Amino acid sequence: MTRKSLFVAATLLAVVACSGEDETGPPDSNEVTVTVADDQFVPPTRTVEVGTTVHWNTTGTHGHNVTFDDEQSSDVLNEGDTYERTFSAPGEYHYVCTFHANLGMEGTIIVE
């Protein structure tokens, strides 16, 4: 491995180690982000407080969507597109990408 590769690997390990839960964004923030990547939501599970707005930011190279069990859904999201939803009641909100559900592209927002 080159020094650059070792540095990148060490940096990624440090980020994962310091992150605690698989969360993105400041812990007290009322806005958090989920990345819509190729065939996965990252992180797949988020725990947030009531009143939090979750932003799904698309980095994947083909179309995705965010479709909840309660039938709320985004339009088709292509690279660079964003979808957001504010959660005003406690509960577990399960969602999938209907185009890639067969590949396990799903996630859950837990609102406390």
C-alpha atoms as a PDB file:
ATOM      1  CA  MET A   1       0.000   0.000   0.000  1.00  0.00           C
ATOM      2  CA  THR A   2       1.157   3.507  -0.719  1.00  0.00           C
ATOM      3  CA  ARG A   3       1.338   6.179   1.976  1.00  0.00           C
ATOM      4  CA  LYS A   4      -1.639   7.930   0.397  1.00  0.00           C
ATOM      5  CA  SER A   5      -3.716   4.711   0.544  1.00  0.00           C
ATOM      6  CA  LEU A   6      -2.759   4.173   4.181  1.00  0.00           C
ATOM      7  CA  PHE A   7      -3.689   7.770   5.014  1.00  0.00           C
ATOM      8  CA  VAL A   8      -7.084   7.432   3.332  1.00  0.00           C
ATOM      9  CA  ALA A   9      -7.764   4.109   5.084  1.00  0.00           C
ATOM     10  CA  ALA A  10      -6.728   5.539   8.476  1.00  0.00           C
ATOM     11  CA  THR A  11      -8.908   8.616   7.958  1.00  0.00           C
ATOM     12  CA  LEU A  12     -11.955   6.504   7.081  1.00  0.00           C
ATOM     13  CA  LEU A  13     -11.417   4.300  10.135  1.00  0.00           C
ATOM     14  CA  ALA A  14     -11.158   7.379  12.355  1.00  0.00           C
ATOM     15  CA  VAL A  15     -14.395   8.799  10.971  1.00  0.00           C
ATOM     16  CA  VAL A  16     -16.242   5.513  11.552  1.00  0.00           C
ATOM     17  CA  ALA A  17     -14.780   5.102  15.050  1.00  0.00           C
ATOM     18  CA  CYS A  18     -15.736   8.643  16.088  1.00  0.00           C
ATOM     19  CA  SER A  19     -19.230   8.515  14.664  1.00  0.00           C
ATOM     20  CA  GLY A  20     -20.779   6.361  17.385  1.00  0.00           C
ATOM     21  CA  GLU A  21     -24.038   5.329  15.803  1.00  0.00           C
ATOM     22  CA  ASP A  22     -24.332   5.225  12.068  1.00  0.00           C
ATOM     23  CA  GLU A  23     -25.490   8.858  11.946  1.00  0.00           C
ATOM     24  CA  THR A  24     -24.725  11.864   9.751  1.00  0.00           C
ATOM     25  CA  GLY A  25     -24.898  15.436  10.998  1.00  0.00           C
ATOM     26  CA  PRO A  26     -24.608  17.095  14.383  1.00  0.00           C
ATOM     27  CA  PRO A  27     -26.344  15.099  17.149  1.00  0.00           C
ATOM     28  CA  ASP A  28     -28.578  18.023  18.191  1.00  0.00           C
ATOM     29  CA  SER A  29     -29.471  19.111  14.669  1.00  0.00           C
ATOM     30  CA  ASN A  30     -33.095  19.287  13.502  1.00  0.00           C
ATOM     31  CA  GLU A  31     -31.905  18.390  10.012  1.00  0.00           C
ATOM     32  CA  VAL A  32     -30.096  15.190   9.068  1.00  0.00           C
ATOM     33  CA  THR A  33     -29.004  13.597   5.820  1.00  0.00           C
ATOM     34  CA  VAL A  34     -29.344  10.149   4.288  1.00  0.00           C
ATOM     35  CA  THR A  35     -27.308   9.472   1.155  1.00  0.00           C
ATOM     36  CA  VAL A  36     -29.093   7.738  -1.715  1.00  0.00           C
ATOM     37  CA  ALA A  37     -26.239   5.784  -3.271  1.00  0.00           C
ATOM     38  CA  ASP A  38     -26.263   3.049  -5.894  1.00  0.00           C
ATOM     39  CA  ASP A  39     -28.748   0.529  -4.494  1.00  0.00           C
ATOM     40  CA  GLN A  40     -28.462   1.554  -0.838  1.00  0.00           C
ATOM     41  CA  PHE A  41     -29.463   4.211   1.671  1.00  0.00           C
ATOM     42  CA  VAL A  42     -26.546   5.334   3.848  1.00  0.00           C
ATOM     43  CA  PRO A  43     -27.097   4.998   6.730  1.00  0.00           C
ATOM     44  CA  PRO A  44     -30.048   2.623   6.386  1.00  0.00           C
ATOM     45  CA  THR A  45     -31.438   3.509   9.835  1.00  0.00           C
ATOM     46  CA  ARG A  46     -31.592   6.937  11.460  1.00  0.00           C
ATOM     47  CA  THR A  47     -32.914   7.837  14.889  1.00  0.00           C
ATOM     48  CA  VAL A  48     -34.173  11.417  15.117  1.00  0.00           C
ATOM     49  CA  GLU A  49     -36.262  13.629  17.364  1.00  0.00           C
ATOM     50  CA  VAL A  50     -39.807  14.762  16.596  1.00  0.00           C
ATOM     51  CA  GLY A  51     -39.674  17.792  14.311  1.00  0.00           C
ATOM     52  CA  THR A  52     -36.525  16.701  12.471  1.00  0.00           C
ATOM     53  CA  THR A  53     -36.288  17.134   8.709  1.00  0.00           C
ATOM     54  CA  VAL A  54     -34.490  14.320   6.917  1.00  0.00           C
ATOM     55  CA  HIS A  55     -32.860  15.088   3.561  1.00  0.00           C
ATOM     56  CA  TRP A  56     -32.179  12.280   1.094  1.00  0.00           C
ATOM     57  CA  ASN A  57     -29.311  13.419  -1.159  1.00  0.00           C
ATOM     58  CA  THR A  58     -28.789  11.371  -4.302  1.00  0.00           C
ATOM     59  CA  THR A  59     -25.295  10.404  -5.379  1.00  0.00           C
ATOM     60  CA  GLY A  60     -26.253   7.257  -7.280  1.00  0.00           C
ATOM     61  CA  THR A  61     -25.841   7.124 -11.019  1.00  0.00           C
ATOM     62  CA  HIS A  62     -29.334   5.840 -11.802  1.00  0.00           C
ATOM     63  CA  GLY A  63     -32.866   6.753 -10.746  1.00  0.00           C
ATOM     64  CA  HIS A  64     -34.154   6.022  -7.252  1.00  0.00           C
ATOM     65  CA  ASN A  65     -37.105   7.014  -5.120  1.00  0.00           C
ATOM     66  CA  VAL A  66     -37.994   7.156  -1.436  1.00  0.00           C
ATOM     67  CA  THR A  67     -41.370   5.490  -0.827  1.00  0.00           C
ATOM     68  CA  PHE A  68     -42.801   5.085   2.681  1.00  0.00           C
ATOM     69  CA  ASP A  69     -45.254   2.491   3.976  1.00  0.00           C
ATOM     70  CA  ASP A  70     -47.749   5.366   4.489  1.00  0.00           C
ATOM     71  CA  GLU A  71     -47.539   5.942   0.695  1.00  0.00           C
ATOM     72  CA  GLN A  72     -45.679   9.261   0.881  1.00  0.00           C
ATOM     73  CA  SER A  73     -43.149   9.158  -1.922  1.00  0.00           C
ATOM     74  CA  SER A  74     -40.561  11.212  -3.726  1.00  0.00           C
ATOM     75  CA  ASP A  75     -40.427  11.687  -7.448  1.00  0.00           C
ATOM     76  CA  VAL A  76     -37.656   9.878  -9.305  1.00  0.00           C
ATOM     77  CA  LEU A  77     -34.344  11.066  -7.847  1.00  0.00           C
ATOM     78  CA  ASN A  78     -31.340  11.283 -10.126  1.00  0.00           C
ATOM     79  CA  GLU A  79     -27.777  12.213  -9.211  1.00  0.00           C
ATOM     80  CA  GLY A  80     -27.765  15.564  -7.387  1.00  0.00           C
ATOM     81  CA  ASP A  81     -31.505  15.505  -6.544  1.00  0.00           C
ATOM     82  CA  THR A  82     -32.800  15.873  -2.983  1.00  0.00           C
ATOM     83  CA  TYR A  83     -35.999  14.806  -1.230  1.00  0.00           C
ATOM     84  CA  GLU A  84     -36.976  15.861   2.275  1.00  0.00           C
ATOM     85  CA  ARG A  85     -39.576  14.960   4.864  1.00  0.00           C
ATOM     86  CA  THR A  86     -40.203  16.427   8.308  1.00  0.00           C
ATOM     87  CA  PHE A  87     -41.293  13.926  10.974  1.00  0.00           C
ATOM     88  CA  SER A  88     -43.857  15.400  13.368  1.00  0.00           C
ATOM     89  CA  ALA A  89     -44.909  12.271  15.265  1.00  0.00           C
ATOM     90  CA  PRO A  90     -43.000   9.511  17.067  1.00  0.00           C
ATOM     91  CA  GLY A  91     -42.819   6.116  15.396  1.00  0.00           C
ATOM     92  CA  GLU A  92     -40.915   3.962  12.951  1.00  0.00           C
ATOM     93  CA  TYR A  93     -41.125   4.988   9.314  1.00  0.00           C
ATOM     94  CA  HIS A  94     -40.029   2.273   6.901  1.00  0.00           C
ATOM     95  CA  TYR A  95     -39.159   3.211   3.315  1.00  0.00           C
ATOM     96  CA  VAL A  96     -37.814   1.601   0.146  1.00  0.00           C
ATOM     97  CA  CYS A  97     -36.648   2.487  -3.316  1.00  0.00           C
ATOM     98  CA  THR A  98     -39.375   0.750  -5.312  1.00  0.00           C
ATOM     99  CA  PHE A  99     -36.989   0.361  -8.263  1.00  0.00           C
ATOM    100  CA  HIS A 100     -34.418  -1.543  -6.192  1.00  0.00           C
ATOM    101  CA  ALA A 101     -36.396  -3.094  -3.309  1.00  0.00           C
ATOM    102  CA  ASN A 102     -35.472  -6.531  -4.650  1.00  0.00           C
ATOM    103  CA  LEU A 103     -31.815  -5.583  -4.002  1.00  0.00           C
ATOM    104  CA  GLY A 104     -32.590  -4.692  -0.385  1.00  0.00           C
ATOM    105  CA  MET A 105     -32.629  -0.931  -0.881  1.00  0.00           C
ATOM    106  CA  GLU A 106     -34.631   0.047   2.178  1.00  0.00           C
ATOM    107  CA  GLY A 107     -34.336   2.092   5.312  1.00  0.00           C
ATOM    108  CA  THR A 108     -36.034   3.176   8.525  1.00  0.00           C
ATOM    109  CA  ILE A 109     -36.412   6.491  10.288  1.00  0.00           C
ATOM    110  CA  ILE A 110     -37.044   6.065  14.022  1.00  0.00           C
ATOM    111  CA  VAL A 111     -38.651   9.166  15.518  1.00  0.00           C
ATOM    112  CA  GLU A 112     -38.472   9.512  19.297  1.00  0.00           C
END
